[in-house]
Every structure is written in structure tokens, then in C-alpha cells.
């Protein structure tokens, strides 16, 4: 079992981040989710997520990101009072999860991640994360060349025309 994360964002950084408006951050998050994760979601998970209000809360940064699955992509939402599911963890633990250096069960059972809301939805999300074979946040995937190639594929799929035309 991995030792609990001792890394916490320094207070000045956390104070600065927590003062940022939430919606632009949610837009950045859904852009990353759409580029790195959306294409990997199985059809049954996509259907189950349809119109569900989700929240990621980064505890040590004081950041909250609200979003939903539209059936085709993740979309940012303005801050919502009620959500169907909230995942909370530290920035470091979310990064380790995205890099596949930690699994959701370990984070949950060590109380480093909390899942609140619809229990069945939480299990679907956790199982979908467990099933991913590739790191979602592999730094090699985020070189400008790789990002532009994925954006071209996404645009061509959306418009029905071949990429690069």
C-alpha cells in the first residue's frame, strides 16, 4: 500500500488559486477531459453520465470545478448548489490518479479521496477510472504536436470531414 501523500500546496499558492473564478477553471478542466478522457469512455458509462452534474473539489487548492456529460462531451457548468457526484482530494492525489500512479480504491480507502452523492454514479465513475489502461495525464500526450493532432481528430469527427482538410 502506498503511503499517504504528504504534499500539500503551499498556503500562498492555495490562497491565490482559491480566489480565481470557478467557471474558467471548469472550462479548462473539461477541455482536458474531452481531449484526454472522453474518447476512452465506454458507451454504457457515457449513457449513465448523461446530464449528471459532477464536481471535482481540490481540497488544498480551494478549487471547485462543476461540469456535466452532454452525451458527446464534457461541458463546464456554472457553480451549482446541488450535484449528483462530488469527488474531493488534494491536487497531488488528483495528479497521481490522472497519471495512474494511484488507483481510486487506494485513495478512497486511505481517506485521501472522498466521494459524495449518488453512490451508484460514484461506483460507475470509479470503475471507469480503474478500467483506463493509459495514464490520462501522461506529459508526452500534452506536447503541442500531440494536442493539435487530437484537436484535429476531434474537429473532423464533429464535422465528418477528414482531419487536416
C-alpha atoms as a PDB file:
ATOM      1  CA  UNK A   1       0.000   0.000   0.000  1.00  0.00           C
ATOM      2  CA  UNK A   2       1.271   3.453  -0.907  1.00  0.00           C
ATOM      3  CA  UNK A   3       1.990   5.865   1.922  1.00  0.00           C
ATOM      4  CA  UNK A   4      -0.437   8.774   2.215  1.00  0.00           C
ATOM      5  CA  UNK A   5       0.532  11.847   0.263  1.00  0.00           C
ATOM      6  CA  UNK A   6       2.275  14.395   2.415  1.00  0.00           C
ATOM      7  CA  UNK A   7       2.421  17.023  -0.325  1.00  0.00           C
ATOM      8  CA  UNK A   8       0.042  19.918   0.199  1.00  0.00           C
ATOM      9  CA  UNK A   9       0.023  23.091  -1.856  1.00  0.00           C
ATOM     10  CA  UNK A  10       1.761  25.925  -0.015  1.00  0.00           C
ATOM     11  CA  UNK A  11      -0.729  28.308   1.602  1.00  0.00           C
ATOM     12  CA  UNK A  12       0.185  31.332  -0.588  1.00  0.00           C
ATOM     13  CA  UNK A  13      -0.426  29.248  -3.744  1.00  0.00           C
ATOM     14  CA  UNK A  14      -3.671  27.843  -2.325  1.00  0.00           C
ATOM     15  CA  UNK A  15      -4.865  31.344  -1.404  1.00  0.00           C
ATOM     16  CA  UNK A  16      -4.154  32.615  -4.897  1.00  0.00           C
ATOM     17  CA  UNK A  17      -5.856  29.638  -6.585  1.00  0.00           C
ATOM     18  CA  UNK A  18      -8.925  29.753  -4.343  1.00  0.00           C
ATOM     19  CA  UNK A  19      -9.504  33.385  -5.291  1.00  0.00           C
ATOM     20  CA  UNK A  20      -9.805  32.565  -9.010  1.00  0.00           C
ATOM     21  CA  UNK A  21     -13.299  32.454 -10.554  1.00  0.00           C
ATOM     22  CA  UNK A  22     -14.561  28.871 -10.872  1.00  0.00           C
ATOM     23  CA  UNK A  23     -16.063  28.852 -14.376  1.00  0.00           C
ATOM     24  CA  UNK A  24     -12.857  29.448 -16.395  1.00  0.00           C
ATOM     25  CA  UNK A  25     -11.197  26.663 -14.426  1.00  0.00           C
ATOM     26  CA  UNK A  26     -14.115  24.364 -15.196  1.00  0.00           C
ATOM     27  CA  UNK A  27     -13.683  25.225 -18.892  1.00  0.00           C
ATOM     28  CA  UNK A  28     -10.005  24.243 -18.729  1.00  0.00           C
ATOM     29  CA  UNK A  29     -10.839  21.021 -16.902  1.00  0.00           C
ATOM     30  CA  UNK A  30     -13.498  19.930 -19.416  1.00  0.00           C
ATOM     31  CA  UNK A  31     -11.155  20.757 -22.297  1.00  0.00           C
ATOM     32  CA  UNK A  32      -8.574  18.426 -20.774  1.00  0.00           C
ATOM     33  CA  UNK A  33     -11.230  15.768 -20.062  1.00  0.00           C
ATOM     34  CA  UNK A  34     -12.538  15.987 -23.624  1.00  0.00           C
ATOM     35  CA  UNK A  35      -9.054  15.713 -25.122  1.00  0.00           C
ATOM     36  CA  UNK A  36      -7.728  13.006 -22.820  1.00  0.00           C
ATOM     37  CA  UNK A  37     -10.628  11.040 -21.352  1.00  0.00           C
ATOM     38  CA  UNK A  38     -13.894  11.381 -23.278  1.00  0.00           C
ATOM     39  CA  UNK A  39     -12.784   9.157 -26.174  1.00  0.00           C
ATOM     40  CA  UNK A  40     -11.882   6.387 -23.711  1.00  0.00           C
ATOM     41  CA  UNK A  41     -15.279   6.186 -22.008  1.00  0.00           C
ATOM     42  CA  UNK A  42     -17.312   3.082 -22.846  1.00  0.00           C
ATOM     43  CA  UNK A  43     -20.834   3.593 -24.216  1.00  0.00           C
ATOM     44  CA  UNK A  44     -22.574   2.368 -21.057  1.00  0.00           C
ATOM     45  CA  UNK A  45     -20.609   4.846 -18.933  1.00  0.00           C
ATOM     46  CA  UNK A  46     -21.421   7.661 -21.364  1.00  0.00           C
ATOM     47  CA  UNK A  47     -25.122   6.799 -21.095  1.00  0.00           C
ATOM     48  CA  UNK A  48     -25.020   6.625 -17.308  1.00  0.00           C
ATOM     49  CA  UNK A  49     -23.248  10.007 -17.077  1.00  0.00           C
ATOM     50  CA  UNK A  50     -25.749  11.722 -19.384  1.00  0.00           C
ATOM     51  CA  UNK A  51     -26.799  15.078 -17.879  1.00  0.00           C
ATOM     52  CA  UNK A  52     -25.330  14.222 -14.463  1.00  0.00           C
ATOM     53  CA  UNK A  53     -23.933  17.188 -12.568  1.00  0.00           C
ATOM     54  CA  UNK A  54     -20.405  16.429 -11.427  1.00  0.00           C
ATOM     55  CA  UNK A  55     -17.986  18.330  -9.225  1.00  0.00           C
ATOM     56  CA  UNK A  56     -14.263  17.992  -8.650  1.00  0.00           C
ATOM     57  CA  UNK A  57     -13.132  19.662  -5.429  1.00  0.00           C
ATOM     58  CA  UNK A  58      -9.391  20.153  -4.990  1.00  0.00           C
ATOM     59  CA  UNK A  59      -9.184  20.493  -1.219  1.00  0.00           C
ATOM     60  CA  UNK A  60      -5.748  22.003  -0.722  1.00  0.00           C
ATOM     61  CA  UNK A  61      -6.181  24.479  -3.592  1.00  0.00           C
ATOM     62  CA  UNK A  62      -9.692  25.530  -2.596  1.00  0.00           C
ATOM     63  CA  UNK A  63     -10.802  24.941  -6.201  1.00  0.00           C
ATOM     64  CA  UNK A  64     -14.140  23.565  -7.338  1.00  0.00           C
ATOM     65  CA  UNK A  65     -14.947  22.551 -10.913  1.00  0.00           C
ATOM     66  CA  UNK A  66     -18.540  21.851 -11.974  1.00  0.00           C
ATOM     67  CA  UNK A  67     -19.336  20.052 -15.217  1.00  0.00           C
ATOM     68  CA  UNK A  68     -21.695  17.584 -16.907  1.00  0.00           C
ATOM     69  CA  UNK A  69     -21.608  14.983 -19.698  1.00  0.00           C
ATOM     70  CA  UNK A  70     -23.815  16.109 -22.605  1.00  0.00           C
ATOM     71  CA  UNK A  71     -23.780  12.807 -24.462  1.00  0.00           C
ATOM     72  CA  UNK A  72     -20.977  13.951 -26.772  1.00  0.00           C
ATOM     73  CA  UNK A  73     -18.566  15.771 -24.488  1.00  0.00           C
ATOM     74  CA  UNK A  74     -18.000  17.185 -21.048  1.00  0.00           C
ATOM     75  CA  UNK A  75     -19.325  20.733 -20.619  1.00  0.00           C
ATOM     76  CA  UNK A  76     -18.493  23.269 -17.931  1.00  0.00           C
ATOM     77  CA  UNK A  77     -21.355  24.395 -15.704  1.00  0.00           C
ATOM     78  CA  UNK A  78     -21.646  27.472 -13.548  1.00  0.00           C
ATOM     79  CA  UNK A  79     -21.224  26.785  -9.830  1.00  0.00           C
ATOM     80  CA  UNK A  80     -24.177  24.646  -8.773  1.00  0.00           C
ATOM     81  CA  UNK A  81     -25.801  24.227  -5.389  1.00  0.00           C
ATOM     82  CA  UNK A  82     -26.553  20.542  -5.890  1.00  0.00           C
ATOM     83  CA  UNK A  83     -24.533  17.978  -7.798  1.00  0.00           C
ATOM     84  CA  UNK A  84     -25.082  14.305  -8.475  1.00  0.00           C
ATOM     85  CA  UNK A  85     -21.495  13.444  -7.552  1.00  0.00           C
ATOM     86  CA  UNK A  86     -18.577  15.246  -5.895  1.00  0.00           C
ATOM     87  CA  UNK A  87     -15.027  13.896  -5.880  1.00  0.00           C
ATOM     88  CA  UNK A  88     -12.684  15.580  -3.384  1.00  0.00           C
ATOM     89  CA  UNK A  89      -8.934  15.082  -2.965  1.00  0.00           C
ATOM     90  CA  UNK A  90      -5.702  17.056  -2.876  1.00  0.00           C
ATOM     91  CA  UNK A  91      -4.133  18.405  -6.073  1.00  0.00           C
ATOM     92  CA  UNK A  92      -1.284  15.930  -5.686  1.00  0.00           C
ATOM     93  CA  UNK A  93      -3.645  12.959  -5.326  1.00  0.00           C
ATOM     94  CA  UNK A  94      -5.690  14.000  -8.377  1.00  0.00           C
ATOM     95  CA  UNK A  95      -2.447  14.311 -10.357  1.00  0.00           C
ATOM     96  CA  UNK A  96      -1.288  10.853  -9.208  1.00  0.00           C
ATOM     97  CA  UNK A  97      -4.706   9.439 -10.132  1.00  0.00           C
ATOM     98  CA  UNK A  98      -4.545  11.003 -13.606  1.00  0.00           C
ATOM     99  CA  UNK A  99      -1.022   9.639 -14.112  1.00  0.00           C
ATOM    100  CA  UNK A 100      -2.174   6.155 -12.980  1.00  0.00           C
ATOM    101  CA  UNK A 101       0.318   6.222 -10.105  1.00  0.00           C
ATOM    102  CA  UNK A 102      -2.583   5.737  -7.662  1.00  0.00           C
ATOM    103  CA  UNK A 103      -5.856   3.929  -8.049  1.00  0.00           C
ATOM    104  CA  UNK A 104      -9.219   5.291  -6.856  1.00  0.00           C
ATOM    105  CA  UNK A 105      -9.702   2.470  -4.317  1.00  0.00           C
ATOM    106  CA  UNK A 106      -6.412   3.220  -2.569  1.00  0.00           C
ATOM    107  CA  UNK A 107      -7.234   6.930  -2.406  1.00  0.00           C
ATOM    108  CA  UNK A 108     -10.758   6.263  -1.166  1.00  0.00           C
ATOM    109  CA  UNK A 109      -9.913   3.655   1.468  1.00  0.00           C
ATOM    110  CA  UNK A 110      -6.997   5.714   2.793  1.00  0.00           C
ATOM    111  CA  UNK A 111      -9.458   8.644   3.109  1.00  0.00           C
ATOM    112  CA  UNK A 112      -7.398  10.752   0.714  1.00  0.00           C
ATOM    113  CA  UNK A 113     -10.352  10.944  -1.685  1.00  0.00           C
ATOM    114  CA  UNK A 114     -13.986  11.330  -0.786  1.00  0.00           C
ATOM    115  CA  UNK A 115     -16.956  10.567  -2.983  1.00  0.00           C
ATOM    116  CA  UNK A 116     -20.253  12.227  -2.097  1.00  0.00           C
ATOM    117  CA  UNK A 117     -23.655  11.981  -3.724  1.00  0.00           C
ATOM    118  CA  UNK A 118     -25.144   9.246  -5.886  1.00  0.00           C
ATOM    119  CA  UNK A 119     -23.423   6.023  -4.738  1.00  0.00           C
ATOM    120  CA  UNK A 120     -24.167   4.136  -7.957  1.00  0.00           C
ATOM    121  CA  UNK A 121     -22.793   7.008 -10.055  1.00  0.00           C
ATOM    122  CA  UNK A 122     -19.701   7.095  -7.832  1.00  0.00           C
ATOM    123  CA  UNK A 123     -19.102   3.397  -8.457  1.00  0.00           C
ATOM    124  CA  UNK A 124     -19.550   3.830 -12.213  1.00  0.00           C
ATOM    125  CA  UNK A 125     -17.020   6.697 -12.259  1.00  0.00           C
ATOM    126  CA  UNK A 126     -14.578   4.797 -10.013  1.00  0.00           C
ATOM    127  CA  UNK A 127     -14.843   1.651 -12.145  1.00  0.00           C
ATOM    128  CA  UNK A 128     -14.401   3.686 -15.351  1.00  0.00           C
ATOM    129  CA  UNK A 129     -11.239   5.245 -13.893  1.00  0.00           C
ATOM    130  CA  UNK A 130      -9.985   1.803 -12.822  1.00  0.00           C
ATOM    131  CA  UNK A 131     -10.568   0.432 -16.327  1.00  0.00           C
ATOM    132  CA  UNK A 132      -8.423   3.051 -18.057  1.00  0.00           C
ATOM    133  CA  UNK A 133      -5.276   1.446 -19.347  1.00  0.00           C
ATOM    134  CA  UNK A 134      -3.357   4.601 -20.186  1.00  0.00           C
ATOM    135  CA  UNK A 135      -2.413   7.485 -17.967  1.00  0.00           C
ATOM    136  CA  UNK A 136      -4.850  10.306 -18.688  1.00  0.00           C
ATOM    137  CA  UNK A 137      -2.208  12.848 -17.775  1.00  0.00           C
ATOM    138  CA  UNK A 138       0.893  11.500 -19.450  1.00  0.00           C
ATOM    139  CA  UNK A 139       3.062  14.546 -20.096  1.00  0.00           C
ATOM    140  CA  UNK A 140       4.045  13.124 -23.506  1.00  0.00           C
ATOM    141  CA  UNK A 141       0.370  13.375 -24.549  1.00  0.00           C
ATOM    142  CA  UNK A 142       0.379  17.113 -23.898  1.00  0.00           C
ATOM    143  CA  UNK A 143       3.136  18.251 -26.236  1.00  0.00           C
ATOM    144  CA  UNK A 144       1.801  20.892 -28.646  1.00  0.00           C
ATOM    145  CA  UNK A 145       2.040  18.439 -31.564  1.00  0.00           C
ATOM    146  CA  UNK A 146       0.004  15.764 -29.735  1.00  0.00           C
ATOM    147  CA  UNK A 147      -2.662  18.214 -28.538  1.00  0.00           C
ATOM    148  CA  UNK A 148      -3.088  19.739 -32.012  1.00  0.00           C
ATOM    149  CA  UNK A 149      -3.373  16.265 -33.573  1.00  0.00           C
ATOM    150  CA  UNK A 150      -6.129  15.278 -31.099  1.00  0.00           C
ATOM    151  CA  UNK A 151      -7.945  18.569 -31.689  1.00  0.00           C
ATOM    152  CA  UNK A 152      -7.851  17.961 -35.460  1.00  0.00           C
ATOM    153  CA  UNK A 153      -9.264  14.449 -34.941  1.00  0.00           C
ATOM    154  CA  UNK A 154     -11.996  15.790 -32.672  1.00  0.00           C
ATOM    155  CA  UNK A 155     -12.939  18.509 -35.191  1.00  0.00           C
ATOM    156  CA  UNK A 156     -13.005  16.067 -38.098  1.00  0.00           C
ATOM    157  CA  UNK A 157     -15.189  13.659 -36.112  1.00  0.00           C
ATOM    158  CA  UNK A 158     -17.538  16.507 -35.220  1.00  0.00           C
ATOM    159  CA  UNK A 159     -17.811  17.808 -38.797  1.00  0.00           C
ATOM    160  CA  UNK A 160     -17.497  14.459 -40.578  1.00  0.00           C
ATOM    161  CA  UNK A 161     -14.583  15.641 -42.712  1.00  0.00           C
ATOM    162  CA  UNK A 162     -11.091  14.102 -42.753  1.00  0.00           C
ATOM    163  CA  UNK A 163      -8.542  15.662 -40.382  1.00  0.00           C
ATOM    164  CA  UNK A 164      -6.161  18.125 -41.926  1.00  0.00           C
ATOM    165  CA  UNK A 165      -8.505  19.411 -44.633  1.00  0.00           C
END
